[in-house]
Amino acid sequence: MKKHSMLTIAAALALAVLLGACSGAAKTSNKLLVGTSADYPPYEFIILDDKNEQQYVGVDIELAKKLASDAGKELEIVNMNFDNLMVSLQKGDIDAVIACIEPNEERKQAGDFSDAYYVLNPPLVLIRTADAGALTSVESLAGKNVGAQTGTTKADIVTDDIPDANLVAVATVTDLVNQLSYDKVDAIVLDYDVAMSYANSSPDFAIADIELGIRQDLGVAVQKGDPKGLLPSFNKTIAAEKAAGNIDKWMEEANAISADAIYPE
């Protein structure tokens, strides 16, 4: 019995060492798992390449590539609904979030943020071109159905800054735009460059002459406390790419192909 117990203990110790080795390997994975919501041109979206295969493109995707490369890691994009991103980050399912995300107070409680890599102009109100003459002020949106993406600061703006509007919160921007197309909502609030992308790609849409919100910084989110030590490398890369003018260059390139965006089910 004593000999059997000693063998059992030895086997258990060996298993513990093996599991510890596996755990260490997972923690030192050579992949950088970046969460995004790829329905948001020009920041992150999907197009078909020359082989008719889906490809992630956009400003945030280019930045993610550089962050991974400079950190000596292989990039893996993890696409999901926007409102799941910070939860997945907290759970450790992804290493970072790059999704045109603003570090507001609520998000700072859920994660830490890099230095700003881009400054957003105030959000815009996208409407149907046929309604351009009627929707010309915040007051004109009273009693209207105004859409915004779930979990975004744009949803907060509809609630806080457009008195008497009815917020219609939708998980994806694609569905928001479809609801606008089919008269399910009267207007939608989007980030500046995203709204301009839709207005420029379709004569059915226009930008309402309505001022909302303020300029906002965009950052890369990591887990609270930065347990993987990613932020120093991220901030170094961001500073270098901004100084080289690459963020603006990526924006121009993404805008040029935004009309080619596809939205798989």
C-alpha atoms as a PDB file:
ATOM      1  CA  MET A   1       0.000   0.000   0.000  1.00  0.00           C
ATOM      2  CA  LYS A   2       2.854   2.352   0.844  1.00  0.00           C
ATOM      3  CA  LYS A   3       4.616   1.600  -2.426  1.00  0.00           C
ATOM      4  CA  HIS A   4       1.359   2.081  -4.326  1.00  0.00           C
ATOM      5  CA  SER A   5       0.795   5.447  -2.617  1.00  0.00           C
ATOM      6  CA  MET A   6       4.288   6.619  -3.498  1.00  0.00           C
ATOM      7  CA  LEU A   7       3.740   5.677  -7.143  1.00  0.00           C
ATOM      8  CA  THR A   8       0.439   7.506  -7.142  1.00  0.00           C
ATOM      9  CA  ILE A   9       2.058  10.615  -5.697  1.00  0.00           C
ATOM     10  CA  ALA A  10       4.866  10.444  -8.236  1.00  0.00           C
ATOM     11  CA  ALA A  11       2.380  10.134 -11.087  1.00  0.00           C
ATOM     12  CA  ALA A  12       0.392  13.071  -9.762  1.00  0.00           C
ATOM     13  CA  LEU A  13       3.527  15.204  -9.527  1.00  0.00           C
ATOM     14  CA  ALA A  14       4.504  14.284 -13.069  1.00  0.00           C
ATOM     15  CA  LEU A  15       1.037  15.246 -14.299  1.00  0.00           C
ATOM     16  CA  ALA A  16       1.235  18.553 -12.436  1.00  0.00           C
ATOM     17  CA  VAL A  17       4.577  19.336 -14.058  1.00  0.00           C
ATOM     18  CA  LEU A  18       3.143  18.473 -17.480  1.00  0.00           C
ATOM     19  CA  LEU A  19       0.089  20.653 -16.943  1.00  0.00           C
ATOM     20  CA  GLY A  20       2.275  23.468 -15.669  1.00  0.00           C
ATOM     21  CA  ALA A  21       4.398  23.244 -18.800  1.00  0.00           C
ATOM     22  CA  CYS A  22       1.294  23.365 -20.953  1.00  0.00           C
ATOM     23  CA  SER A  23      -0.024  26.350 -19.027  1.00  0.00           C
ATOM     24  CA  GLY A  24       3.278  28.164 -19.456  1.00  0.00           C
ATOM     25  CA  ALA A  25       3.169  27.471 -23.196  1.00  0.00           C
ATOM     26  CA  ALA A  26      -0.319  28.968 -23.427  1.00  0.00           C
ATOM     27  CA  LYS A  27       0.778  32.092 -21.559  1.00  0.00           C
ATOM     28  CA  THR A  28       3.725  32.551 -23.895  1.00  0.00           C
ATOM     29  CA  SER A  29       1.749  31.918 -27.061  1.00  0.00           C
ATOM     30  CA  ASN A  30       3.298  33.464 -30.133  1.00  0.00           C
ATOM     31  CA  LYS A  31      -0.126  34.639 -31.320  1.00  0.00           C
ATOM     32  CA  LEU A  32      -1.668  38.030 -30.705  1.00  0.00           C
ATOM     33  CA  LEU A  33      -5.440  37.546 -30.572  1.00  0.00           C
ATOM     34  CA  VAL A  34      -7.065  40.838 -31.540  1.00  0.00           C
ATOM     35  CA  GLY A  35     -10.814  41.250 -31.174  1.00  0.00           C
ATOM     36  CA  THR A  36     -12.683  43.492 -33.576  1.00  0.00           C
ATOM     37  CA  SER A  37     -16.119  43.988 -35.127  1.00  0.00           C
ATOM     38  CA  ALA A  38     -15.537  43.908 -38.877  1.00  0.00           C
ATOM     39  CA  ASP A  39     -18.639  45.747 -40.053  1.00  0.00           C
ATOM     40  CA  TYR A  40     -17.249  49.264 -39.675  1.00  0.00           C
ATOM     41  CA  PRO A  41     -15.530  50.691 -42.755  1.00  0.00           C
ATOM     42  CA  PRO A  42     -13.060  52.366 -42.961  1.00  0.00           C
ATOM     43  CA  TYR A  43     -11.794  51.034 -39.601  1.00  0.00           C
ATOM     44  CA  GLU A  44     -12.393  47.293 -39.878  1.00  0.00           C
ATOM     45  CA  PHE A  45     -14.310  45.467 -42.585  1.00  0.00           C
ATOM     46  CA  ILE A  46     -14.207  42.512 -44.965  1.00  0.00           C
ATOM     47  CA  ILE A  47     -13.600  42.450 -48.720  1.00  0.00           C
ATOM     48  CA  LEU A  48     -12.995  39.683 -51.239  1.00  0.00           C
ATOM     49  CA  ASP A  49      -9.425  39.411 -52.481  1.00  0.00           C
ATOM     50  CA  ASP A  50      -8.190  38.353 -55.930  1.00  0.00           C
ATOM     51  CA  LYS A  51      -8.868  34.710 -55.051  1.00  0.00           C
ATOM     52  CA  ASN A  52     -12.431  35.552 -53.990  1.00  0.00           C
ATOM     53  CA  GLU A  53     -11.508  34.854 -50.384  1.00  0.00           C
ATOM     54  CA  GLN A  54     -12.558  36.993 -47.443  1.00  0.00           C
ATOM     55  CA  GLN A  55      -9.912  39.385 -46.152  1.00  0.00           C
ATOM     56  CA  TYR A  56      -9.923  41.709 -43.142  1.00  0.00           C
ATOM     57  CA  VAL A  57      -8.921  45.249 -44.070  1.00  0.00           C
ATOM     58  CA  GLY A  58      -9.109  48.774 -42.689  1.00  0.00           C
ATOM     59  CA  VAL A  59      -7.208  51.225 -40.515  1.00  0.00           C
ATOM     60  CA  ASP A  60      -7.482  49.131 -37.360  1.00  0.00           C
ATOM     61  CA  ILE A  61      -6.449  45.961 -39.183  1.00  0.00           C
ATOM     62  CA  GLU A  62      -3.300  47.628 -40.521  1.00  0.00           C
ATOM     63  CA  LEU A  63      -2.498  48.843 -37.025  1.00  0.00           C
ATOM     64  CA  ALA A  64      -3.091  45.361 -35.610  1.00  0.00           C
ATOM     65  CA  LYS A  65      -0.631  43.931 -38.144  1.00  0.00           C
ATOM     66  CA  LYS A  66       2.058  46.387 -37.059  1.00  0.00           C
ATOM     67  CA  LEU A  67       1.414  45.850 -33.353  1.00  0.00           C
ATOM     68  CA  ALA A  68       1.743  42.095 -33.771  1.00  0.00           C
ATOM     69  CA  SER A  69       4.833  42.322 -35.969  1.00  0.00           C
ATOM     70  CA  ASP A  70       6.652  44.721 -33.649  1.00  0.00           C
ATOM     71  CA  ALA A  71       5.782  42.548 -30.647  1.00  0.00           C
ATOM     72  CA  GLY A  72       7.194  39.508 -32.460  1.00  0.00           C
ATOM     73  CA  LYS A  73       3.839  37.769 -32.623  1.00  0.00           C
ATOM     74  CA  GLU A  74       1.559  36.261 -35.256  1.00  0.00           C
ATOM     75  CA  LEU A  75      -1.687  38.184 -35.667  1.00  0.00           C
ATOM     76  CA  GLU A  76      -5.030  36.408 -35.396  1.00  0.00           C
ATOM     77  CA  ILE A  77      -8.196  38.482 -35.902  1.00  0.00           C
ATOM     78  CA  VAL A  78     -11.191  37.427 -33.811  1.00  0.00           C
ATOM     79  CA  ASN A  79     -14.386  38.918 -35.261  1.00  0.00           C
ATOM     80  CA  MET A  80     -17.480  39.361 -33.079  1.00  0.00           C
ATOM     81  CA  ASN A  81     -20.314  41.753 -32.236  1.00  0.00           C
ATOM     82  CA  PHE A  82     -19.027  45.017 -30.810  1.00  0.00           C
ATOM     83  CA  ASP A  83     -20.840  44.692 -27.491  1.00  0.00           C
ATOM     84  CA  ASN A  84     -19.055  41.378 -26.776  1.00  0.00           C
ATOM     85  CA  LEU A  85     -15.540  42.736 -27.203  1.00  0.00           C
ATOM     86  CA  MET A  86     -14.757  44.084 -23.735  1.00  0.00           C
ATOM     87  CA  VAL A  87     -16.367  41.063 -22.059  1.00  0.00           C
ATOM     88  CA  SER A  88     -14.192  38.715 -24.136  1.00  0.00           C
ATOM     89  CA  LEU A  89     -11.142  40.787 -23.220  1.00  0.00           C
ATOM     90  CA  GLN A  90     -11.929  40.573 -19.510  1.00  0.00           C
ATOM     91  CA  LYS A  91     -12.343  36.787 -19.774  1.00  0.00           C
ATOM     92  CA  GLY A  92      -8.968  36.469 -21.488  1.00  0.00           C
ATOM     93  CA  ASP A  93     -10.413  35.057 -24.702  1.00  0.00           C
ATOM     94  CA  ILE A  94      -8.547  37.757 -26.644  1.00  0.00           C
ATOM     95  CA  ASP A  95      -5.393  39.763 -25.968  1.00  0.00           C
ATOM     96  CA  ALA A  96      -6.507  43.151 -27.242  1.00  0.00           C
ATOM     97  CA  VAL A  97      -9.420  45.062 -28.749  1.00  0.00           C
ATOM     98  CA  ILE A  98      -8.922  47.278 -31.790  1.00  0.00           C
ATOM     99  CA  ALA A  99     -12.323  48.362 -33.010  1.00  0.00           C
ATOM    100  CA  CYS A 100     -12.623  52.146 -33.310  1.00  0.00           C
ATOM    101  CA  ILE A 101     -13.090  52.108 -29.541  1.00  0.00           C
ATOM    102  CA  GLU A 102     -13.016  55.178 -27.316  1.00  0.00           C
ATOM    103  CA  PRO A 103     -11.607  54.815 -23.779  1.00  0.00           C
ATOM    104  CA  ASN A 104     -14.551  56.200 -21.822  1.00  0.00           C
ATOM    105  CA  GLU A 105     -14.830  55.786 -18.052  1.00  0.00           C
ATOM    106  CA  GLU A 106     -16.908  52.601 -18.227  1.00  0.00           C
ATOM    107  CA  ARG A 107     -14.435  50.894 -20.538  1.00  0.00           C
ATOM    108  CA  LYS A 108     -11.466  52.011 -18.436  1.00  0.00           C
ATOM    109  CA  GLN A 109     -12.960  50.030 -15.582  1.00  0.00           C
ATOM    110  CA  ALA A 110     -12.958  46.918 -17.773  1.00  0.00           C
ATOM    111  CA  GLY A 111      -9.523  47.297 -19.371  1.00  0.00           C
ATOM    112  CA  ASP A 112      -6.461  49.473 -19.880  1.00  0.00           C
ATOM    113  CA  PHE A 113      -5.820  51.515 -23.008  1.00  0.00           C
ATOM    114  CA  SER A 114      -2.881  52.441 -25.168  1.00  0.00           C
ATOM    115  CA  ASP A 115      -1.977  55.963 -26.145  1.00  0.00           C
ATOM    116  CA  ALA A 116      -4.359  57.436 -28.723  1.00  0.00           C
ATOM    117  CA  TYR A 117      -3.627  56.397 -32.299  1.00  0.00           C
ATOM    118  CA  TYR A 118      -6.344  58.483 -33.967  1.00  0.00           C
ATOM    119  CA  VAL A 119      -8.684  61.334 -33.043  1.00  0.00           C
ATOM    120  CA  LEU A 120     -12.279  60.973 -34.189  1.00  0.00           C
ATOM    121  CA  ASN A 121     -14.241  63.945 -35.408  1.00  0.00           C
ATOM    122  CA  PRO A 122     -17.657  64.289 -33.694  1.00  0.00           C
ATOM    123  CA  PRO A 123     -20.194  61.655 -34.790  1.00  0.00           C
ATOM    124  CA  LEU A 124     -22.610  62.302 -37.638  1.00  0.00           C
ATOM    125  CA  VAL A 125     -26.261  61.562 -38.254  1.00  0.00           C
ATOM    126  CA  LEU A 126     -26.876  59.455 -41.365  1.00  0.00           C
ATOM    127  CA  ILE A 127     -30.323  59.848 -42.933  1.00  0.00           C
ATOM    128  CA  ARG A 128     -32.122  59.007 -46.141  1.00  0.00           C
ATOM    129  CA  THR A 129     -31.451  61.593 -48.825  1.00  0.00           C
ATOM    130  CA  ALA A 130     -35.202  62.092 -49.231  1.00  0.00           C
ATOM    131  CA  ASP A 131     -35.381  63.358 -45.626  1.00  0.00           C
ATOM    132  CA  ALA A 132     -32.538  65.876 -45.903  1.00  0.00           C
ATOM    133  CA  GLY A 133     -34.902  68.832 -45.990  1.00  0.00           C
ATOM    134  CA  ALA A 134     -36.833  67.749 -42.910  1.00  0.00           C
ATOM    135  CA  LEU A 135     -34.121  66.522 -40.530  1.00  0.00           C
ATOM    136  CA  THR A 136     -31.957  69.569 -40.002  1.00  0.00           C
ATOM    137  CA  SER A 137     -31.596  69.919 -36.221  1.00  0.00           C
ATOM    138  CA  VAL A 138     -31.558  67.945 -32.987  1.00  0.00           C
ATOM    139  CA  GLU A 139     -35.096  69.195 -32.375  1.00  0.00           C
ATOM    140  CA  SER A 140     -36.264  67.724 -35.682  1.00  0.00           C
ATOM    141  CA  LEU A 141     -35.362  64.252 -34.360  1.00  0.00           C
ATOM    142  CA  ALA A 142     -37.825  64.499 -31.449  1.00  0.00           C
ATOM    143  CA  GLY A 143     -40.237  61.591 -31.614  1.00  0.00           C
ATOM    144  CA  LYS A 144     -38.156  59.919 -34.339  1.00  0.00           C
ATOM    145  CA  ASN A 145     -36.620  56.451 -34.234  1.00  0.00           C
ATOM    146  CA  VAL A 146     -32.869  56.991 -34.106  1.00  0.00           C
ATOM    147  CA  GLY A 147     -30.568  53.987 -34.392  1.00  0.00           C
ATOM    148  CA  ALA A 148     -27.146  53.336 -32.900  1.00  0.00           C
ATOM    149  CA  GLN A 149     -24.938  50.311 -32.416  1.00  0.00           C
ATOM    150  CA  THR A 150     -25.449  48.461 -29.141  1.00  0.00           C
ATOM    151  CA  GLY A 151     -22.807  49.145 -26.506  1.00  0.00           C
ATOM    152  CA  THR A 152     -21.335  52.217 -28.202  1.00  0.00           C
ATOM    153  CA  THR A 153     -21.015  55.841 -27.180  1.00  0.00           C
ATOM    154  CA  LYS A 154     -23.319  56.632 -30.100  1.00  0.00           C
ATOM    155  CA  ALA A 155     -26.164  54.880 -28.271  1.00  0.00           C
ATOM    156  CA  ASP A 156     -25.393  57.060 -25.243  1.00  0.00           C
ATOM    157  CA  ILE A 157     -25.524  60.175 -27.431  1.00  0.00           C
ATOM    158  CA  VAL A 158     -28.988  59.282 -28.715  1.00  0.00           C
ATOM    159  CA  THR A 159     -30.210  58.797 -25.152  1.00  0.00           C
ATOM    160  CA  ASP A 160     -28.482  61.820 -23.614  1.00  0.00           C
ATOM    161  CA  ASP A 161     -28.251  64.420 -26.374  1.00  0.00           C
ATOM    162  CA  ILE A 162     -31.327  63.946 -28.568  1.00  0.00           C
ATOM    163  CA  PRO A 163     -34.341  64.795 -26.417  1.00  0.00           C
ATOM    164  CA  ASP A 164     -37.470  62.722 -27.013  1.00  0.00           C
ATOM    165  CA  ALA A 165     -35.860  60.516 -29.674  1.00  0.00           C
ATOM    166  CA  ASN A 166     -36.592  56.792 -29.534  1.00  0.00           C
ATOM    167  CA  LEU A 167     -33.325  54.849 -29.353  1.00  0.00           C
ATOM    168  CA  VAL A 168     -33.195  51.755 -31.564  1.00  0.00           C
ATOM    169  CA  ALA A 169     -30.113  49.817 -30.463  1.00  0.00           C
ATOM    170  CA  VAL A 170     -28.883  47.213 -32.963  1.00  0.00           C
ATOM    171  CA  ALA A 171     -25.919  44.844 -32.671  1.00  0.00           C
ATOM    172  CA  THR A 172     -24.330  45.510 -36.073  1.00  0.00           C
ATOM    173  CA  VAL A 173     -23.922  48.583 -38.233  1.00  0.00           C
ATOM    174  CA  THR A 174     -24.977  46.527 -41.237  1.00  0.00           C
ATOM    175  CA  ASP A 175     -28.392  45.941 -39.698  1.00  0.00           C
ATOM    176  CA  LEU A 176     -28.616  49.594 -38.700  1.00  0.00           C
ATOM    177  CA  VAL A 177     -28.065  50.725 -42.274  1.00  0.00           C
ATOM    178  CA  ASN A 178     -30.586  48.174 -43.514  1.00  0.00           C
ATOM    179  CA  GLN A 179     -33.151  49.512 -41.061  1.00  0.00           C
ATOM    180  CA  LEU A 180     -32.505  53.009 -42.370  1.00  0.00           C
ATOM    181  CA  SER A 181     -32.893  51.799 -45.942  1.00  0.00           C
ATOM    182  CA  TYR A 182     -36.240  50.155 -45.200  1.00  0.00           C
ATOM    183  CA  ASP A 183     -37.694  53.050 -43.159  1.00  0.00           C
ATOM    184  CA  LYS A 184     -37.495  51.151 -39.871  1.00  0.00           C
ATOM    185  CA  VAL A 185     -35.523  54.044 -38.363  1.00  0.00           C
ATOM    186  CA  ASP A 186     -35.444  57.701 -39.342  1.00  0.00           C
ATOM    187  CA  ALA A 187     -31.747  58.292 -38.707  1.00  0.00           C
ATOM    188  CA  ILE A 188     -28.657  56.580 -37.319  1.00  0.00           C
ATOM    189  CA  VAL A 189     -25.744  58.000 -35.371  1.00  0.00           C
ATOM    190  CA  LEU A 190     -22.334  56.786 -36.529  1.00  0.00           C
ATOM    191  CA  ASP A 191     -18.697  57.729 -36.116  1.00  0.00           C
ATOM    192  CA  TYR A 192     -17.669  60.464 -38.530  1.00  0.00           C
ATOM    193  CA  ASP A 193     -15.627  58.408 -40.997  1.00  0.00           C
ATOM    194  CA  VAL A 194     -18.111  55.531 -40.985  1.00  0.00           C
ATOM    195  CA  ALA A 195     -21.055  57.820 -41.734  1.00  0.00           C
ATOM    196  CA  MET A 196     -19.083  59.535 -44.499  1.00  0.00           C
ATOM    197  CA  SER A 197     -18.212  56.148 -45.983  1.00  0.00           C
ATOM    198  CA  TYR A 198     -21.884  55.189 -46.293  1.00  0.00           C
ATOM    199  CA  ALA A 199     -22.935  58.625 -47.578  1.00  0.00           C
ATOM    200  CA  ASN A 200     -20.203  58.611 -50.224  1.00  0.00           C
ATOM    201  CA  SER A 201     -20.963  55.086 -51.386  1.00  0.00           C
ATOM    202  CA  SER A 202     -24.725  55.456 -51.930  1.00  0.00           C
ATOM    203  CA  PRO A 203     -26.903  58.291 -53.276  1.00  0.00           C
ATOM    204  CA  ASP A 204     -29.689  57.015 -51.010  1.00  0.00           C
ATOM    205  CA  PHE A 205     -27.942  58.345 -47.903  1.00  0.00           C
ATOM    206  CA  ALA A 206     -26.995  61.833 -46.763  1.00  0.00           C
ATOM    207  CA  ILE A 207     -25.419  63.464 -43.734  1.00  0.00           C
ATOM    208  CA  ALA A 208     -27.829  65.563 -41.681  1.00  0.00           C
ATOM    209  CA  ASP A 209     -26.658  69.046 -40.729  1.00  0.00           C
ATOM    210  CA  ILE A 210     -26.775  68.197 -37.027  1.00  0.00           C
ATOM    211  CA  GLU A 211     -23.901  68.615 -34.573  1.00  0.00           C
ATOM    212  CA  LEU A 212     -23.486  65.985 -31.867  1.00  0.00           C
ATOM    213  CA  GLY A 213     -20.801  64.978 -29.399  1.00  0.00           C
ATOM    214  CA  ILE A 214     -17.136  65.945 -29.297  1.00  0.00           C
ATOM    215  CA  ARG A 215     -13.833  64.784 -30.756  1.00  0.00           C
ATOM    216  CA  GLN A 216     -12.709  61.501 -29.220  1.00  0.00           C
ATOM    217  CA  ASP A 217      -9.430  59.592 -28.985  1.00  0.00           C
ATOM    218  CA  LEU A 218      -9.219  55.993 -30.173  1.00  0.00           C
ATOM    219  CA  GLY A 219      -7.102  53.500 -28.265  1.00  0.00           C
ATOM    220  CA  VAL A 220      -6.180  49.821 -28.145  1.00  0.00           C
ATOM    221  CA  ALA A 221      -7.668  48.008 -25.145  1.00  0.00           C
ATOM    222  CA  VAL A 222      -5.860  45.294 -23.170  1.00  0.00           C
ATOM    223  CA  GLN A 223      -6.785  43.428 -20.006  1.00  0.00           C
ATOM    224  CA  LYS A 224      -6.891  45.453 -16.799  1.00  0.00           C
ATOM    225  CA  GLY A 225      -3.410  45.757 -15.365  1.00  0.00           C
ATOM    226  CA  ASP A 226      -1.872  44.706 -18.693  1.00  0.00           C
ATOM    227  CA  PRO A 227      -0.875  41.242 -17.354  1.00  0.00           C
ATOM    228  CA  LYS A 228       0.767  40.294 -20.664  1.00  0.00           C
ATOM    229  CA  GLY A 229       2.883  43.430 -20.768  1.00  0.00           C
ATOM    230  CA  LEU A 230       1.631  44.542 -24.182  1.00  0.00           C
ATOM    231  CA  LEU A 231       1.203  48.284 -23.701  1.00  0.00           C
ATOM    232  CA  PRO A 232       4.869  49.397 -23.811  1.00  0.00           C
ATOM    233  CA  SER A 233       5.334  47.760 -27.219  1.00  0.00           C
ATOM    234  CA  PHE A 234       1.939  48.988 -28.430  1.00  0.00           C
ATOM    235  CA  ASN A 235       2.645  52.583 -27.430  1.00  0.00           C
ATOM    236  CA  LYS A 236       6.058  52.514 -29.109  1.00  0.00           C
ATOM    237  CA  THR A 237       4.513  51.249 -32.355  1.00  0.00           C
ATOM    238  CA  ILE A 238       1.667  53.776 -32.235  1.00  0.00           C
ATOM    239  CA  ALA A 239       4.099  56.669 -31.760  1.00  0.00           C
ATOM    240  CA  ALA A 240       6.224  55.488 -34.684  1.00  0.00           C
ATOM    241  CA  GLU A 241       3.287  54.964 -37.067  1.00  0.00           C
ATOM    242  CA  LYS A 242       1.754  58.343 -36.228  1.00  0.00           C
ATOM    243  CA  ALA A 243       5.095  60.085 -36.738  1.00  0.00           C
ATOM    244  CA  ALA A 244       5.504  58.382 -40.103  1.00  0.00           C
ATOM    245  CA  GLY A 245       2.031  59.487 -41.202  1.00  0.00           C
ATOM    246  CA  ASN A 246       0.915  55.901 -41.697  1.00  0.00           C
ATOM    247  CA  ILE A 247      -2.361  56.168 -39.792  1.00  0.00           C
ATOM    248  CA  ASP A 248      -3.567  58.860 -42.193  1.00  0.00           C
ATOM    249  CA  LYS A 249      -2.276  56.852 -45.151  1.00  0.00           C
ATOM    250  CA  TRP A 250      -4.180  53.771 -43.993  1.00  0.00           C
ATOM    251  CA  MET A 251      -7.308  55.892 -43.649  1.00  0.00           C
ATOM    252  CA  GLU A 252      -7.017  57.062 -47.265  1.00  0.00           C
ATOM    253  CA  GLU A 253      -6.452  53.507 -48.498  1.00  0.00           C
ATOM    254  CA  ALA A 254      -9.376  52.145 -46.491  1.00  0.00           C
ATOM    255  CA  ASN A 255     -11.720  54.877 -47.678  1.00  0.00           C
ATOM    256  CA  ALA A 256     -10.806  54.035 -51.267  1.00  0.00           C
ATOM    257  CA  ILE A 257     -12.066  50.445 -50.887  1.00  0.00           C
ATOM    258  CA  SER A 258     -14.884  50.941 -48.352  1.00  0.00           C
ATOM    259  CA  ALA A 259     -17.502  50.571 -51.073  1.00  0.00           C
ATOM    260  CA  ASP A 260     -16.230  47.006 -51.654  1.00  0.00           C
ATOM    261  CA  ALA A 261     -17.086  45.934 -48.103  1.00  0.00           C
ATOM    262  CA  ILE A 262     -19.081  42.727 -47.750  1.00  0.00           C
ATOM    263  CA  TYR A 263     -21.129  41.671 -44.747  1.00  0.00           C
ATOM    264  CA  PRO A 264     -21.271  37.868 -44.395  1.00  0.00           C
ATOM    265  CA  GLU A 265     -24.097  36.369 -42.380  1.00  0.00           C
END
